[in-house]
Protein backbone atom coordinates (compact mmCIF):
# COMPACT_ATOMS: atom_id res chain seq x y z
CA MET A 1 34.01 11.20 3.31
CA GLY A 2 34.60 9.43 0.25
CA TRP A 3 33.12 9.17 -3.61
CA GLU A 4 30.49 6.59 -3.90
CA LYS A 5 29.24 5.38 -7.43
CA ALA A 6 25.68 6.33 -7.42
CA VAL A 7 24.00 5.79 -10.94
CA ALA A 8 24.96 5.84 -14.71
CA VAL A 9 24.72 9.29 -16.17
CA SER A 10 22.16 7.71 -18.76
CA GLU A 11 19.73 7.07 -15.77
CA LEU A 12 19.60 10.61 -14.98
CA PRO A 13 18.54 12.63 -17.99
CA GLU A 14 17.91 16.67 -17.90
CA ASN A 15 15.07 17.54 -15.79
CA SER A 16 14.95 14.27 -13.95
CA ARG A 17 15.23 12.94 -10.49
CA LYS A 18 16.13 9.81 -8.80
CA VAL A 19 16.53 8.57 -5.20
CA VAL A 20 19.51 6.50 -4.34
CA THR A 21 20.88 4.70 -1.10
CA LEU A 22 24.49 5.04 -0.52
CA LYS A 23 26.09 3.90 2.59
CA GLY A 24 22.55 3.69 4.10
CA ASN A 25 21.72 7.39 3.13
CA LYS A 26 18.77 8.10 0.91
CA ILE A 27 20.07 10.74 -1.50
CA LEU A 28 17.83 12.52 -4.05
CA LEU A 29 19.81 13.24 -7.06
CA LEU A 30 18.53 15.86 -9.56
CA HIS A 31 19.66 17.01 -13.02
CA GLN A 32 18.65 20.46 -13.23
CA GLN A 33 19.66 23.21 -15.97
CA GLY A 34 22.78 21.20 -16.67
CA GLU A 35 23.71 20.58 -13.27
CA ILE A 36 23.68 17.43 -11.10
CA TYR A 37 22.47 18.24 -7.46
CA ALA A 38 22.63 15.34 -4.57
CA VAL A 39 20.92 16.19 -1.41
CA ASP A 40 19.46 14.70 1.41
CA ASN A 41 15.70 13.15 0.42
CA ARG A 42 14.40 14.13 3.83
CA CYS A 43 13.07 17.75 4.42
CA PRO A 44 15.05 19.00 7.42
CA HIS A 45 11.79 20.22 8.79
CA MET A 46 9.85 17.01 9.43
CA LYS A 47 12.08 14.43 7.68
CA LEU A 48 9.59 13.87 5.14
CA PRO A 49 10.75 12.97 1.46
CA LEU A 50 11.50 15.70 -1.06
CA LYS A 51 11.32 13.48 -4.26
CA ASN A 52 8.44 14.77 -5.40
CA GLY A 53 9.15 18.50 -4.58
CA LYS A 54 8.90 21.42 -7.18
CA VAL A 55 12.14 22.54 -8.46
CA THR A 56 11.97 26.51 -9.07
CA ALA A 57 13.73 28.50 -11.80
CA GLU A 58 15.79 30.08 -9.18
CA GLY A 59 17.18 26.47 -8.37
CA ALA A 60 15.73 25.65 -5.02
CA ILE A 61 13.51 22.46 -4.08
CA ILE A 62 10.17 23.04 -2.11
CA CYS A 63 8.76 20.36 0.25
CA PRO A 64 5.78 18.98 -1.11
CA PHE A 65 4.25 19.05 2.55
CA HIS A 66 5.03 22.11 4.34
CA ARG A 67 6.42 24.14 1.39
CA SER A 68 9.87 24.81 2.87
CA ALA A 69 12.38 25.78 0.11
CA PHE A 70 15.87 24.91 0.04
CA GLU A 71 18.72 26.04 -2.50
CA LEU A 72 19.89 23.00 -4.21
CA SER A 73 23.45 24.03 -4.60
CA THR A 74 24.08 24.98 -0.97
CA GLY A 75 21.08 23.69 1.15
CA GLN A 76 20.53 26.89 2.52
CA VAL A 77 16.90 27.77 3.80
CA ALA A 78 15.00 30.03 0.96
CA HIS A 79 11.55 29.67 2.88
CA TRP A 80 10.84 28.04 6.02
CA THR A 81 7.48 26.15 6.78
CA PRO A 82 4.98 28.90 5.24
CA TRP A 83 2.11 26.12 4.78
CA PRO A 84 -0.33 25.86 5.59
CA PRO A 85 -1.39 29.54 6.40
CA VAL A 86 -1.64 30.13 10.19
CA VAL A 87 -0.50 26.61 11.23
CA GLY A 88 2.74 27.04 9.17
CA ASN A 89 3.57 30.05 10.89
CA LEU A 90 3.22 28.27 14.06
CA MET A 91 5.17 25.27 13.00
CA ALA A 92 7.88 27.44 12.06
CA MET A 93 7.94 29.00 15.55
CA ALA A 94 8.33 25.40 17.02
CA SER A 95 11.19 24.28 14.80
CA GLN A 96 14.21 26.64 13.79
CA PRO A 97 15.03 26.66 10.13
CA LYS A 98 17.73 23.95 9.30
CA ALA A 99 19.64 23.69 6.13
CA LEU A 100 19.30 20.80 3.87
CA PRO A 101 22.29 18.53 3.68
CA THR A 102 24.04 18.56 0.14
CA TYR A 103 26.71 16.51 -1.33
CA ALA A 104 29.11 17.27 -4.14
CA THR A 105 28.85 15.24 -7.35
CA LYS A 106 31.10 14.46 -10.35
CA VAL A 107 30.38 12.67 -13.34
CA GLU A 108 33.23 10.10 -14.44
CA ASP A 109 33.51 7.36 -17.09
CA GLY A 110 29.86 7.68 -17.42
CA SER A 111 28.87 7.62 -13.95
CA ILE A 112 27.66 9.88 -11.33
CA PHE A 113 29.52 9.84 -7.96
CA VAL A 114 28.41 11.53 -4.93
CA ASN A 115 30.96 12.55 -2.04
CA LEU A 116 29.55 11.15 1.30
């Protein structure tokens, strides 16, 4: 693991998000409620992109495809595949809950760094 320069702080204002590729990994950076988060841009359920997922007031990101929700700070599962009704429940049984990979971030010299 090591710190990788991602973007300038000015490129990620409050309430914004950006996907960056670091060491071959697509990382979703989010600036929410004064915190900068870095998570894998793929939902661990079906590997679909999370970039357009809703961020809740509780600090979770919701997959825009199947509505699984993950805590931004830890990656822990808040809700697992509740959508669509009935089918979502069947899909949840077929795939066990998996945490979303998260990465430590730091701001240094006007840039955001991610620890991969």
